[in-house]
Amino acid sequence: MKNYLLLVLLFMNTVLLAQNWQSNFQEAKVIAQKENKNIVLVFSGSDWCAPCMKLEKNIWMSDVFKAEAEKNWVTYKADFPKKKANQLAPELTEQNKKLAEKYNKGGSFPLVVLLDPNGKVLGMTGFKNVSAEEYIQLLHSFVKK
């Protein structure tokens, strides 16, 4: 049983690391500034919002998005779970609330905000029933050349 739990934990860490989602928004900004990358900020209700779950499965977990994010973006997910079992640490909940007050005043879920390394909004979108490649193109279209 212990070996099974260890394997599950290792798998979960591998999945999280492969997606490279930051767990602290301030750290995400520091990385973005250091690497001169924009930030993909995702407002999600991971355990209650059906379109959020579809974005997770179809876009964020896709190999093409992971590769693109690794090259071009710093990613941060501001999650707002409702189920008691999925509640976040109080500091993380507070951090996400502050981000919502600044970037998601309308309370939209999902909301995807592309920010420059300093936190300036470049563009916003929500759920789109498109391929990962098309979603990536949409995010890139927010950057003025």
Protein backbone atom coordinates (compact mmCIF):
# COMPACT_ATOMS: atom_id res chain seq x y z
CA MET A 1 0.00 0.00 0.00
CA LYS A 2 2.82 2.43 0.85
CA ASN A 3 4.48 1.76 -2.50
CA TYR A 4 1.20 2.43 -4.29
CA LEU A 5 0.74 5.76 -2.48
CA LEU A 6 4.32 6.71 -3.25
CA LEU A 7 3.77 5.98 -6.94
CA VAL A 8 0.59 8.08 -6.96
CA LEU A 9 2.39 11.00 -5.29
CA LEU A 10 5.31 10.77 -7.70
CA PHE A 11 2.90 10.70 -10.64
CA MET A 12 1.01 13.75 -9.32
CA ASN A 13 4.28 15.68 -8.84
CA THR A 14 5.38 14.73 -12.35
CA VAL A 15 2.09 15.95 -13.81
CA LEU A 16 2.28 19.22 -11.90
CA LEU A 17 5.90 19.79 -12.82
CA ALA A 18 5.26 18.89 -16.45
CA GLN A 19 2.61 21.58 -16.60
CA ASN A 20 4.87 23.99 -14.71
CA TRP A 21 2.04 26.00 -13.13
CA GLN A 22 3.42 28.41 -10.57
CA SER A 23 2.02 28.24 -7.03
CA ASN A 24 2.74 31.85 -6.06
CA PHE A 25 1.71 34.76 -8.27
CA GLN A 26 4.48 37.08 -7.07
CA GLU A 27 7.05 34.40 -7.90
CA ALA A 28 5.38 33.98 -11.30
CA LYS A 29 5.88 37.71 -11.95
CA VAL A 30 9.53 37.54 -10.90
CA ILE A 31 10.13 34.60 -13.26
CA ALA A 32 8.25 36.38 -16.07
CA GLN A 33 10.38 39.50 -15.64
CA LYS A 34 13.62 37.54 -15.41
CA GLU A 35 12.81 35.42 -18.49
CA ASN A 36 10.94 38.20 -20.36
CA LYS A 37 7.81 36.04 -20.72
CA ASN A 38 4.15 36.94 -20.53
CA ILE A 39 1.92 35.39 -17.86
CA VAL A 40 -1.10 33.21 -18.58
CA LEU A 41 -3.39 33.77 -15.57
CA VAL A 42 -6.31 31.35 -15.42
CA PHE A 43 -9.33 31.84 -13.12
CA SER A 44 -10.81 28.40 -12.60
CA GLY A 45 -13.40 26.59 -10.54
CA SER A 46 -11.68 23.23 -10.83
CA ASP A 47 -14.35 21.15 -9.08
CA TRP A 48 -17.60 22.87 -10.12
CA CYS A 49 -17.11 24.76 -13.42
CA ALA A 50 -17.71 22.46 -16.41
CA PRO A 51 -16.05 24.77 -18.98
CA CYS A 52 -13.04 25.09 -16.63
CA MET A 53 -12.74 21.30 -16.55
CA LYS A 54 -12.94 21.16 -20.36
CA LEU A 55 -10.18 23.77 -20.68
CA GLU A 56 -8.07 21.74 -18.27
CA LYS A 57 -8.55 18.52 -20.21
CA ASN A 58 -8.49 19.85 -23.78
CA ILE A 59 -6.05 22.75 -23.58
CA TRP A 60 -3.92 22.94 -20.42
CA MET A 61 -3.14 19.20 -20.31
CA SER A 62 -2.36 18.98 -24.03
CA ASP A 63 1.24 18.34 -25.00
CA VAL A 64 1.14 21.22 -27.48
CA PHE A 65 0.09 23.73 -24.78
CA LYS A 66 2.67 22.40 -22.30
CA ALA A 67 5.43 22.81 -24.89
CA GLU A 68 4.25 26.30 -25.87
CA ALA A 69 3.93 27.41 -22.26
CA GLU A 70 7.40 26.14 -21.42
CA LYS A 71 8.88 28.22 -24.26
CA ASN A 72 6.79 31.39 -24.10
CA TRP A 73 4.80 31.85 -20.91
CA VAL A 74 4.74 31.66 -17.15
CA THR A 75 1.47 30.06 -16.03
CA TYR A 76 -0.57 30.59 -12.89
CA LYS A 77 -3.97 29.12 -12.03
CA ALA A 78 -6.13 31.07 -9.57
CA ASP A 79 -8.44 28.25 -8.50
CA PHE A 80 -11.69 28.69 -6.58
CA PRO A 81 -12.82 25.16 -5.62
CA LYS A 82 -16.10 24.74 -3.76
CA LYS A 83 -15.85 21.21 -2.37
CA LYS A 84 -14.47 21.05 1.15
CA ALA A 85 -12.00 18.31 0.21
CA ASN A 86 -10.46 20.55 -2.47
CA GLN A 87 -10.05 23.73 -0.44
CA LEU A 88 -6.75 25.54 -0.84
CA ALA A 89 -4.45 26.77 1.89
CA PRO A 90 -5.77 30.05 3.39
CA GLU A 91 -2.81 32.06 2.00
CA LEU A 92 -3.46 30.74 -1.50
CA THR A 93 -7.18 31.44 -1.22
CA GLU A 94 -6.41 35.01 -0.16
CA GLN A 95 -3.88 35.47 -2.96
CA ASN A 96 -6.44 34.26 -5.52
CA LYS A 97 -9.13 36.58 -4.11
CA LYS A 98 -6.79 39.56 -4.50
CA LEU A 99 -6.02 38.53 -8.08
CA ALA A 100 -9.76 38.27 -8.79
CA GLU A 101 -10.35 41.75 -7.35
CA LYS A 102 -7.76 43.12 -9.74
CA TYR A 103 -8.22 41.03 -12.89
CA ASN A 104 -11.64 39.33 -12.67
CA LYS A 105 -14.04 41.88 -11.21
CA GLY A 106 -16.94 40.32 -13.11
CA GLY A 107 -16.37 36.90 -11.54
CA SER A 108 -16.16 35.04 -14.87
CA PHE A 109 -15.23 31.36 -14.91
CA PRO A 110 -13.19 30.36 -16.68
CA LEU A 111 -11.33 33.55 -17.43
CA VAL A 112 -7.92 33.47 -19.09
CA VAL A 113 -5.92 36.68 -18.84
CA LEU A 114 -2.66 37.25 -20.69
CA LEU A 115 -0.43 39.64 -18.76
CA ASP A 116 2.88 41.21 -19.61
CA PRO A 117 5.75 40.51 -17.16
CA ASN A 118 4.73 43.57 -15.08
CA GLY A 119 1.09 42.50 -14.72
CA LYS A 120 -0.46 44.71 -17.44
CA VAL A 121 -3.44 43.06 -19.19
CA LEU A 122 -2.73 42.24 -22.83
CA GLY A 123 -5.97 40.35 -23.47
CA MET A 124 -8.71 38.19 -21.97
CA THR A 125 -10.75 35.24 -23.12
CA GLY A 126 -12.80 32.41 -21.71
CA PHE A 127 -13.73 28.92 -22.79
CA LYS A 128 -13.54 28.33 -26.52
CA ASN A 129 -14.45 24.99 -28.05
CA VAL A 130 -11.32 24.92 -30.24
CA SER A 131 -8.16 22.89 -30.53
CA ALA A 132 -5.17 23.57 -28.32
CA GLU A 133 -3.35 24.98 -31.35
CA GLU A 134 -6.19 27.45 -32.03
CA TYR A 135 -6.31 28.46 -28.36
CA ILE A 136 -2.57 29.11 -28.41
CA GLN A 137 -2.99 31.27 -31.53
CA LEU A 138 -5.70 33.24 -29.70
CA LEU A 139 -3.37 33.90 -26.77
CA HIS A 140 -0.57 34.95 -29.11
CA SER A 141 -2.97 37.33 -30.90
CA PHE A 142 -3.16 39.46 -27.73
CA VAL A 143 0.48 40.49 -28.10
CA LYS A 144 0.86 43.58 -30.28
CA LYS A 145 3.76 43.20 -32.65
